[in-house]
Amino acid sequence: MQFLKVLTASLLVPVGMGCLLAIATEFINPHSTADSQLSIILGGLILGLPSLGVGGWVAWDWYQERRKKNKARSRRIRAIFLHLIQSEDGEITVQKLAQYTHLSTLEAKFFLDQKVKELNGSFEKKSNGEMIYRFQI
């Protein structure tokens, strides 16, 4: 469904803009007659405004839906993070966070690095190379 929304918006918006651009170019055309101007203007408005309006609405709807999903995902990850540090006495590893949140290890490391700065946490590298992040509960 997301793909269809993006495809629809990416087709309709340029069509609408092209029709409205045709109107603008007809105004500056010195060789156009009043009849040709009227037909281009009406055709451009009849085809351009609905295309631009529907395409813009679909793009806006897609953006809002995506934003809502990203917020829900962030809340879910944050809740899992808080549960993990509470159950593990404030300690968490990148692998454990990645396992429970289904993030990649790179995303989990980035998330934990941000949380260390945000919550004044600390981290330590074990001899096997694993990072342990510590937060006060």
C-alpha atoms as a PDB file:
ATOM      1  CA  MET A   1       0.000   0.000   0.000  1.00  0.00           C
ATOM      2  CA  GLN A   2       2.852   2.368   0.806  1.00  0.00           C
ATOM      3  CA  PHE A   3       4.390   1.735  -2.587  1.00  0.00           C
ATOM      4  CA  LEU A   4       1.113   2.558  -4.325  1.00  0.00           C
ATOM      5  CA  LYS A   5       0.790   5.809  -2.405  1.00  0.00           C
ATOM      6  CA  VAL A   6       4.299   6.888  -3.313  1.00  0.00           C
ATOM      7  CA  LEU A   7       3.793   5.863  -6.927  1.00  0.00           C
ATOM      8  CA  THR A   8       0.445   7.659  -7.173  1.00  0.00           C
ATOM      9  CA  ALA A   9       1.781  10.854  -5.622  1.00  0.00           C
ATOM     10  CA  SER A  10       4.935  10.799  -7.738  1.00  0.00           C
ATOM     11  CA  LEU A  11       2.838  10.511 -10.894  1.00  0.00           C
ATOM     12  CA  LEU A  12       0.003  12.912 -10.094  1.00  0.00           C
ATOM     13  CA  VAL A  13       2.021  15.815  -8.683  1.00  0.00           C
ATOM     14  CA  PRO A  14       4.271  16.208 -11.759  1.00  0.00           C
ATOM     15  CA  VAL A  15       1.259  15.888 -14.085  1.00  0.00           C
ATOM     16  CA  GLY A  16      -0.505  18.640 -12.164  1.00  0.00           C
ATOM     17  CA  MET A  17       2.587  20.827 -12.142  1.00  0.00           C
ATOM     18  CA  GLY A  18       3.062  20.258 -15.887  1.00  0.00           C
ATOM     19  CA  CYS A  19      -0.515  21.337 -16.620  1.00  0.00           C
ATOM     20  CA  LEU A  20      -0.150  24.459 -14.507  1.00  0.00           C
ATOM     21  CA  LEU A  21       3.197  25.179 -16.148  1.00  0.00           C
ATOM     22  CA  ALA A  22       1.488  24.960 -19.545  1.00  0.00           C
ATOM     23  CA  ILE A  23      -0.881  27.708 -18.401  1.00  0.00           C
ATOM     24  CA  ALA A  24       2.030  29.892 -17.338  1.00  0.00           C
ATOM     25  CA  THR A  25       3.873  29.394 -20.616  1.00  0.00           C
ATOM     26  CA  GLU A  26       0.723  30.183 -22.604  1.00  0.00           C
ATOM     27  CA  PHE A  27       0.531  33.588 -20.919  1.00  0.00           C
ATOM     28  CA  ILE A  28       4.024  34.524 -22.080  1.00  0.00           C
ATOM     29  CA  ASN A  29       3.585  33.136 -25.606  1.00  0.00           C
ATOM     30  CA  PRO A  30       3.336  36.195 -27.895  1.00  0.00           C
ATOM     31  CA  HIS A  31       1.814  34.180 -30.781  1.00  0.00           C
ATOM     32  CA  SER A  32      -1.164  32.751 -28.901  1.00  0.00           C
ATOM     33  CA  THR A  33      -4.709  33.793 -29.650  1.00  0.00           C
ATOM     34  CA  ALA A  34      -7.461  34.404 -27.137  1.00  0.00           C
ATOM     35  CA  ASP A  35      -9.125  31.093 -28.038  1.00  0.00           C
ATOM     36  CA  SER A  36      -5.932  29.097 -27.626  1.00  0.00           C
ATOM     37  CA  GLN A  37      -5.213  30.837 -24.317  1.00  0.00           C
ATOM     38  CA  LEU A  38      -8.697  30.030 -23.052  1.00  0.00           C
ATOM     39  CA  SER A  39      -8.487  26.370 -24.078  1.00  0.00           C
ATOM     40  CA  ILE A  40      -5.014  25.937 -22.547  1.00  0.00           C
ATOM     41  CA  ILE A  41      -6.094  27.665 -19.339  1.00  0.00           C
ATOM     42  CA  LEU A  42      -9.277  25.608 -18.986  1.00  0.00           C
ATOM     43  CA  GLY A  43      -7.544  22.364 -19.888  1.00  0.00           C
ATOM     44  CA  GLY A  44      -4.673  23.108 -17.562  1.00  0.00           C
ATOM     45  CA  LEU A  45      -6.982  23.953 -14.686  1.00  0.00           C
ATOM     46  CA  ILE A  46      -9.313  21.007 -15.281  1.00  0.00           C
ATOM     47  CA  LEU A  47      -6.444  18.530 -15.459  1.00  0.00           C
ATOM     48  CA  GLY A  48      -3.824  20.271 -13.331  1.00  0.00           C
ATOM     49  CA  LEU A  49      -5.621  21.262 -10.161  1.00  0.00           C
ATOM     50  CA  PRO A  50      -7.248  17.884  -9.445  1.00  0.00           C
ATOM     51  CA  SER A  51      -4.020  16.032 -10.244  1.00  0.00           C
ATOM     52  CA  LEU A  52      -1.992  18.317  -8.023  1.00  0.00           C
ATOM     53  CA  GLY A  53      -4.602  18.237  -5.263  1.00  0.00           C
ATOM     54  CA  VAL A  54      -5.028  14.468  -5.194  1.00  0.00           C
ATOM     55  CA  GLY A  55      -1.296  13.853  -5.568  1.00  0.00           C
ATOM     56  CA  GLY A  56      -0.527  16.293  -2.770  1.00  0.00           C
ATOM     57  CA  TRP A  57      -3.158  14.747  -0.531  1.00  0.00           C
ATOM     58  CA  VAL A  58      -1.824  11.220  -1.153  1.00  0.00           C
ATOM     59  CA  ALA A  59       1.739  12.395  -0.458  1.00  0.00           C
ATOM     60  CA  TRP A  60       0.636  14.123   2.753  1.00  0.00           C
ATOM     61  CA  ASP A  61      -1.302  11.048   3.876  1.00  0.00           C
ATOM     62  CA  TRP A  62       1.718   8.840   3.197  1.00  0.00           C
ATOM     63  CA  TYR A  63       3.957  11.217   5.155  1.00  0.00           C
ATOM     64  CA  GLN A  64       1.595  11.298   8.144  1.00  0.00           C
ATOM     65  CA  GLU A  65       1.228   7.511   8.162  1.00  0.00           C
ATOM     66  CA  ARG A  66       4.978   7.035   8.001  1.00  0.00           C
ATOM     67  CA  ARG A  67       5.518   9.559  10.777  1.00  0.00           C
ATOM     68  CA  LYS A  68       2.962   7.787  12.962  1.00  0.00           C
ATOM     69  CA  LYS A  69       4.643   4.403  12.388  1.00  0.00           C
ATOM     70  CA  ASN A  70       8.063   5.855  13.220  1.00  0.00           C
ATOM     71  CA  LYS A  71       6.735   7.326  16.475  1.00  0.00           C
ATOM     72  CA  ALA A  72       5.140   4.015  17.437  1.00  0.00           C
ATOM     73  CA  ARG A  73       8.389   2.202  16.633  1.00  0.00           C
ATOM     74  CA  SER A  74      10.383   4.666  18.739  1.00  0.00           C
ATOM     75  CA  ARG A  75       7.989   4.251  21.677  1.00  0.00           C
ATOM     76  CA  ARG A  76       8.224   0.461  21.399  1.00  0.00           C
ATOM     77  CA  ILE A  77      12.036   0.525  21.318  1.00  0.00           C
ATOM     78  CA  ARG A  78      12.172   2.947  24.246  1.00  0.00           C
ATOM     79  CA  ALA A  79       9.791   0.753  26.294  1.00  0.00           C
ATOM     80  CA  ILE A  80      11.861  -2.367  25.586  1.00  0.00           C
ATOM     81  CA  PHE A  81      15.035  -0.471  26.486  1.00  0.00           C
ATOM     82  CA  LEU A  82      13.577   0.670  29.815  1.00  0.00           C
ATOM     83  CA  HIS A  83      12.323  -2.826  30.605  1.00  0.00           C
ATOM     84  CA  LEU A  84      15.722  -4.337  29.836  1.00  0.00           C
ATOM     85  CA  ILE A  85      17.720  -1.920  31.978  1.00  0.00           C
ATOM     86  CA  GLN A  86      15.286  -2.385  34.869  1.00  0.00           C
ATOM     87  CA  SER A  87      15.429  -6.176  34.669  1.00  0.00           C
ATOM     88  CA  GLU A  88      19.228  -6.244  34.254  1.00  0.00           C
ATOM     89  CA  ASP A  89      20.063  -3.781  37.073  1.00  0.00           C
ATOM     90  CA  GLY A  90      20.900  -0.978  34.671  1.00  0.00           C
ATOM     91  CA  GLU A  91      23.215  -2.948  32.378  1.00  0.00           C
ATOM     92  CA  ILE A  92      22.571  -3.714  28.733  1.00  0.00           C
ATOM     93  CA  THR A  93      24.569  -4.828  25.717  1.00  0.00           C
ATOM     94  CA  VAL A  94      24.171  -3.926  22.076  1.00  0.00           C
ATOM     95  CA  GLN A  95      23.411  -7.551  21.201  1.00  0.00           C
ATOM     96  CA  LYS A  96      20.676  -7.851  23.826  1.00  0.00           C
ATOM     97  CA  LEU A  97      18.968  -4.648  22.699  1.00  0.00           C
ATOM     98  CA  ALA A  98      19.218  -5.711  19.057  1.00  0.00           C
ATOM     99  CA  GLN A  99      17.784  -9.128  19.898  1.00  0.00           C
ATOM    100  CA  TYR A 100      14.715  -7.806  21.722  1.00  0.00           C
ATOM    101  CA  THR A 101      13.971  -4.809  19.479  1.00  0.00           C
ATOM    102  CA  HIS A 102      14.862  -6.428  16.134  1.00  0.00           C
ATOM    103  CA  LEU A 103      17.218  -3.549  15.345  1.00  0.00           C
ATOM    104  CA  SER A 104      20.471  -4.111  13.545  1.00  0.00           C
ATOM    105  CA  THR A 105      23.520  -4.062  15.783  1.00  0.00           C
ATOM    106  CA  LEU A 106      24.549  -0.746  14.233  1.00  0.00           C
ATOM    107  CA  GLU A 107      21.145   0.802  14.992  1.00  0.00           C
ATOM    108  CA  ALA A 108      21.189  -0.630  18.523  1.00  0.00           C
ATOM    109  CA  LYS A 109      24.679   0.772  19.137  1.00  0.00           C
ATOM    110  CA  PHE A 110      23.610   4.186  17.851  1.00  0.00           C
ATOM    111  CA  PHE A 111      20.511   4.082  20.084  1.00  0.00           C
ATOM    112  CA  LEU A 112      22.560   3.158  23.151  1.00  0.00           C
ATOM    113  CA  ASP A 113      25.190   5.806  22.407  1.00  0.00           C
ATOM    114  CA  GLN A 114      22.419   8.417  22.271  1.00  0.00           C
ATOM    115  CA  LYS A 115      20.903   7.137  25.537  1.00  0.00           C
ATOM    116  CA  VAL A 116      24.302   7.295  27.260  1.00  0.00           C
ATOM    117  CA  LYS A 117      24.485  11.010  26.427  1.00  0.00           C
ATOM    118  CA  GLU A 118      20.829  11.633  27.233  1.00  0.00           C
ATOM    119  CA  LEU A 119      20.708   9.743  30.554  1.00  0.00           C
ATOM    120  CA  ASN A 120      24.303  10.300  31.715  1.00  0.00           C
ATOM    121  CA  GLY A 121      25.085   6.627  31.424  1.00  0.00           C
ATOM    122  CA  SER A 122      28.457   4.987  30.953  1.00  0.00           C
ATOM    123  CA  PHE A 123      29.897   2.154  28.943  1.00  0.00           C
ATOM    124  CA  GLU A 124      32.758  -0.245  29.219  1.00  0.00           C
ATOM    125  CA  LYS A 125      34.411  -2.534  26.710  1.00  0.00           C
ATOM    126  CA  LYS A 126      34.935  -6.095  27.889  1.00  0.00           C
ATOM    127  CA  SER A 127      37.999  -8.136  26.975  1.00  0.00           C
ATOM    128  CA  ASN A 128      36.006 -10.025  24.327  1.00  0.00           C
ATOM    129  CA  GLY A 129      35.126  -6.713  22.628  1.00  0.00           C
ATOM    130  CA  GLU A 130      31.529  -6.566  23.846  1.00  0.00           C
ATOM    131  CA  MET A 131      30.254  -3.184  25.035  1.00  0.00           C
ATOM    132  CA  ILE A 132      28.307  -3.004  28.278  1.00  0.00           C
ATOM    133  CA  TYR A 133      26.224   0.101  28.799  1.00  0.00           C
ATOM    134  CA  ARG A 134      25.321   1.102  32.365  1.00  0.00           C
ATOM    135  CA  PHE A 135      22.494   3.351  33.441  1.00  0.00           C
ATOM    136  CA  GLN A 136      21.292   4.375  36.876  1.00  0.00           C
ATOM    137  CA  ILE A 137      17.847   3.060  37.656  1.00  0.00           C
END
